[in-house]
Amino acid sequence: MSAAPGRSQASSHRSQHGEGTPVNDEPVTPPAEDGPKPPAPQARNPLHGLTLEAIVSALAEHYGWEELGQRIPVRCFNVDPSVGSSLRFLRKTPWAREKVEGLYLFMLREERRANSAQPPHRGHR
């Protein structure tokens, strides 16, 4: 049987076996998994899994609204500040959200340094 004009041998061969049948009639097997999967791309991101509300609340608790408003001079931190008004502003303002996330990461580094600078606790002698 010869292929019709404009059709290749493969498509002609496929039509003899039906549309869904593989041409070589060998079962298709998924590739074997070799060892553990690589870590998720967010595994080392300290912001992963945190809500913006948790970040703003932690910053307000750590620095207080006044210092937070000095470090990031935006109206929502300086005029009648609240978590709710801050969230509304930050969700609409990417550059301010980036500053808040950066300050949160800085706060985490400060806390880590402060904890590692303490002398080790000595137990029994």
C-alpha atoms as a PDB file:
ATOM      1  CA  MET A   1       0.000   0.000   0.000  1.00  0.00           C
ATOM      2  CA  SER A   2       1.532   3.349  -0.945  1.00  0.00           C
ATOM      3  CA  ALA A   3       1.084   6.535   1.022  1.00  0.00           C
ATOM      4  CA  ALA A   4      -1.405   9.064  -0.254  1.00  0.00           C
ATOM      5  CA  PRO A   5       0.029  12.352  -1.555  1.00  0.00           C
ATOM      6  CA  GLY A   6       0.984  14.656   1.333  1.00  0.00           C
ATOM      7  CA  ARG A   7       1.060  11.817   3.889  1.00  0.00           C
ATOM      8  CA  SER A   8       4.244  10.216   5.185  1.00  0.00           C
ATOM      9  CA  GLN A   9       4.851   6.494   5.544  1.00  0.00           C
ATOM     10  CA  ALA A  10       4.573   6.799   9.350  1.00  0.00           C
ATOM     11  CA  SER A  11       1.126   8.365   9.233  1.00  0.00           C
ATOM     12  CA  SER A  12       0.020   5.764   6.701  1.00  0.00           C
ATOM     13  CA  HIS A  13       1.382   3.025   8.986  1.00  0.00           C
ATOM     14  CA  ARG A  14      -0.415   4.545  11.980  1.00  0.00           C
ATOM     15  CA  SER A  15      -3.745   4.598  10.179  1.00  0.00           C
ATOM     16  CA  GLN A  16      -3.472   0.847   9.564  1.00  0.00           C
ATOM     17  CA  HIS A  17      -3.162   0.202  13.329  1.00  0.00           C
ATOM     18  CA  GLY A  18      -5.573   2.851  14.558  1.00  0.00           C
ATOM     19  CA  GLU A  19      -4.924   6.324  15.874  1.00  0.00           C
ATOM     20  CA  GLY A  20      -4.051   5.509  19.501  1.00  0.00           C
ATOM     21  CA  THR A  21      -1.763   2.489  18.942  1.00  0.00           C
ATOM     22  CA  PRO A  22       2.015   3.091  19.130  1.00  0.00           C
ATOM     23  CA  VAL A  23       3.798   2.412  15.850  1.00  0.00           C
ATOM     24  CA  ASN A  24       6.386   0.019  17.287  1.00  0.00           C
ATOM     25  CA  ASP A  25       3.851  -1.917  19.441  1.00  0.00           C
ATOM     26  CA  GLU A  26       6.229  -1.799  22.478  1.00  0.00           C
ATOM     27  CA  PRO A  27       4.717  -0.807  25.818  1.00  0.00           C
ATOM     28  CA  VAL A  28       5.630   2.665  26.987  1.00  0.00           C
ATOM     29  CA  THR A  29       7.314   2.661  30.409  1.00  0.00           C
ATOM     30  CA  PRO A  30       8.075   5.779  32.433  1.00  0.00           C
ATOM     31  CA  PRO A  31      11.759   6.490  33.076  1.00  0.00           C
ATOM     32  CA  ALA A  32      13.106   5.014  36.309  1.00  0.00           C
ATOM     33  CA  GLU A  33      13.771   7.403  39.182  1.00  0.00           C
ATOM     34  CA  ASP A  34      17.445   7.473  40.101  1.00  0.00           C
ATOM     35  CA  GLY A  35      17.723   8.362  43.780  1.00  0.00           C
ATOM     36  CA  PRO A  36      16.110  11.177  45.719  1.00  0.00           C
ATOM     37  CA  LYS A  37      14.598  14.170  44.000  1.00  0.00           C
ATOM     38  CA  PRO A  38      16.452  17.498  44.221  1.00  0.00           C
ATOM     39  CA  PRO A  39      15.246  19.830  46.985  1.00  0.00           C
ATOM     40  CA  ALA A  40      12.380  22.147  46.209  1.00  0.00           C
ATOM     41  CA  PRO A  41      13.534  25.499  44.825  1.00  0.00           C
ATOM     42  CA  GLN A  42      12.116  27.286  47.900  1.00  0.00           C
ATOM     43  CA  ALA A  43      13.807  25.056  50.474  1.00  0.00           C
ATOM     44  CA  ARG A  44      16.303  27.729  51.587  1.00  0.00           C
ATOM     45  CA  ASN A  45      13.962  30.710  51.254  1.00  0.00           C
ATOM     46  CA  PRO A  46      13.106  31.928  54.781  1.00  0.00           C
ATOM     47  CA  LEU A  47      10.041  33.750  53.418  1.00  0.00           C
ATOM     48  CA  HIS A  48       8.549  30.593  51.914  1.00  0.00           C
ATOM     49  CA  GLY A  49       5.299  29.674  53.614  1.00  0.00           C
ATOM     50  CA  LEU A  50       5.007  32.951  55.536  1.00  0.00           C
ATOM     51  CA  THR A  51       2.082  35.256  55.004  1.00  0.00           C
ATOM     52  CA  LEU A  52       2.571  38.972  54.581  1.00  0.00           C
ATOM     53  CA  GLU A  53       0.480  39.398  57.718  1.00  0.00           C
ATOM     54  CA  ALA A  54       2.933  37.277  59.721  1.00  0.00           C
ATOM     55  CA  ILE A  55       5.871  39.292  58.388  1.00  0.00           C
ATOM     56  CA  VAL A  56       4.288  42.686  59.174  1.00  0.00           C
ATOM     57  CA  SER A  57       3.197  41.501  62.625  1.00  0.00           C
ATOM     58  CA  ALA A  58       6.694  40.217  63.446  1.00  0.00           C
ATOM     59  CA  LEU A  59       8.297  43.486  62.296  1.00  0.00           C
ATOM     60  CA  ALA A  60       5.821  45.601  64.290  1.00  0.00           C
ATOM     61  CA  GLU A  61       6.444  43.497  67.387  1.00  0.00           C
ATOM     62  CA  HIS A  62      10.232  43.566  66.982  1.00  0.00           C
ATOM     63  CA  TYR A  63      10.748  47.221  66.018  1.00  0.00           C
ATOM     64  CA  GLY A  64       7.476  48.899  67.011  1.00  0.00           C
ATOM     65  CA  TRP A  65       5.456  51.020  64.573  1.00  0.00           C
ATOM     66  CA  GLU A  66       7.514  54.176  65.145  1.00  0.00           C
ATOM     67  CA  GLU A  67      10.867  52.595  64.286  1.00  0.00           C
ATOM     68  CA  LEU A  68       9.287  50.600  61.470  1.00  0.00           C
ATOM     69  CA  GLY A  69       8.028  53.909  60.015  1.00  0.00           C
ATOM     70  CA  GLN A  70      11.541  55.375  60.303  1.00  0.00           C
ATOM     71  CA  ARG A  71      13.173  52.382  58.615  1.00  0.00           C
ATOM     72  CA  ILE A  72      10.563  52.227  55.830  1.00  0.00           C
ATOM     73  CA  PRO A  73       8.995  55.679  55.546  1.00  0.00           C
ATOM     74  CA  VAL A  74       5.537  54.888  54.208  1.00  0.00           C
ATOM     75  CA  ARG A  75       2.264  56.375  55.415  1.00  0.00           C
ATOM     76  CA  CYS A  76       0.762  53.070  56.559  1.00  0.00           C
ATOM     77  CA  PHE A  77       3.540  52.741  59.170  1.00  0.00           C
ATOM     78  CA  ASN A  78       3.521  56.405  60.261  1.00  0.00           C
ATOM     79  CA  VAL A  79      -0.121  57.558  60.283  1.00  0.00           C
ATOM     80  CA  ASP A  80      -2.509  55.509  62.437  1.00  0.00           C
ATOM     81  CA  PRO A  81      -0.570  52.287  61.757  1.00  0.00           C
ATOM     82  CA  SER A  82      -2.227  48.895  61.841  1.00  0.00           C
ATOM     83  CA  VAL A  83      -1.557  45.482  60.349  1.00  0.00           C
ATOM     84  CA  GLY A  84      -4.731  45.750  58.230  1.00  0.00           C
ATOM     85  CA  SER A  85      -3.900  49.112  56.635  1.00  0.00           C
ATOM     86  CA  SER A  86      -0.317  47.971  56.065  1.00  0.00           C
ATOM     87  CA  LEU A  87      -1.475  44.792  54.319  1.00  0.00           C
ATOM     88  CA  ARG A  88      -3.818  46.736  52.007  1.00  0.00           C
ATOM     89  CA  PHE A  89      -0.998  49.107  51.033  1.00  0.00           C
ATOM     90  CA  LEU A  90       1.726  46.472  50.673  1.00  0.00           C
ATOM     91  CA  ARG A  91      -0.398  44.178  48.503  1.00  0.00           C
ATOM     92  CA  LYS A  92      -0.853  47.023  46.009  1.00  0.00           C
ATOM     93  CA  THR A  93       2.722  48.353  46.175  1.00  0.00           C
ATOM     94  CA  PRO A  94       5.422  45.867  45.114  1.00  0.00           C
ATOM     95  CA  TRP A  95       8.400  48.142  45.868  1.00  0.00           C
ATOM     96  CA  ALA A  96       7.223  48.682  49.458  1.00  0.00           C
ATOM     97  CA  ARG A  97       6.539  44.968  49.925  1.00  0.00           C
ATOM     98  CA  GLU A  98      10.109  44.226  48.778  1.00  0.00           C
ATOM     99  CA  LYS A  99      11.440  46.657  51.402  1.00  0.00           C
ATOM    100  CA  VAL A 100       9.331  45.016  54.108  1.00  0.00           C
ATOM    101  CA  GLU A 101      10.515  41.537  53.091  1.00  0.00           C
ATOM    102  CA  GLY A 102      14.122  42.776  53.039  1.00  0.00           C
ATOM    103  CA  LEU A 103      13.782  44.271  56.516  1.00  0.00           C
ATOM    104  CA  TYR A 104      12.277  41.009  57.761  1.00  0.00           C
ATOM    105  CA  LEU A 105      15.273  39.060  56.393  1.00  0.00           C
ATOM    106  CA  PHE A 106      17.607  41.599  58.037  1.00  0.00           C
ATOM    107  CA  MET A 107      15.750  41.123  61.333  1.00  0.00           C
ATOM    108  CA  LEU A 108      16.184  37.340  61.085  1.00  0.00           C
ATOM    109  CA  ARG A 109      19.940  37.762  60.448  1.00  0.00           C
ATOM    110  CA  GLU A 110      20.227  40.119  63.437  1.00  0.00           C
ATOM    111  CA  GLU A 111      18.455  37.611  65.674  1.00  0.00           C
ATOM    112  CA  ARG A 112      20.645  34.759  64.406  1.00  0.00           C
ATOM    113  CA  ARG A 113      23.818  36.765  65.100  1.00  0.00           C
ATOM    114  CA  ALA A 114      22.598  37.734  68.557  1.00  0.00           C
ATOM    115  CA  ASN A 115      21.835  34.111  69.410  1.00  0.00           C
ATOM    116  CA  SER A 116      25.172  32.832  68.081  1.00  0.00           C
ATOM    117  CA  ALA A 117      27.132  35.554  69.913  1.00  0.00           C
ATOM    118  CA  GLN A 118      25.967  34.293  73.307  1.00  0.00           C
ATOM    119  CA  PRO A 119      28.569  32.163  75.105  1.00  0.00           C
ATOM    120  CA  PRO A 120      27.793  28.455  75.078  1.00  0.00           C
ATOM    121  CA  HIS A 121      25.954  27.164  78.144  1.00  0.00           C
ATOM    122  CA  ARG A 122      28.189  24.999  80.299  1.00  0.00           C
ATOM    123  CA  GLY A 123      26.632  22.050  82.004  1.00  0.00           C
ATOM    124  CA  HIS A 124      28.285  19.773  84.545  1.00  0.00           C
ATOM    125  CA  ARG A 125      32.006  20.062  85.293  1.00  0.00           C
END
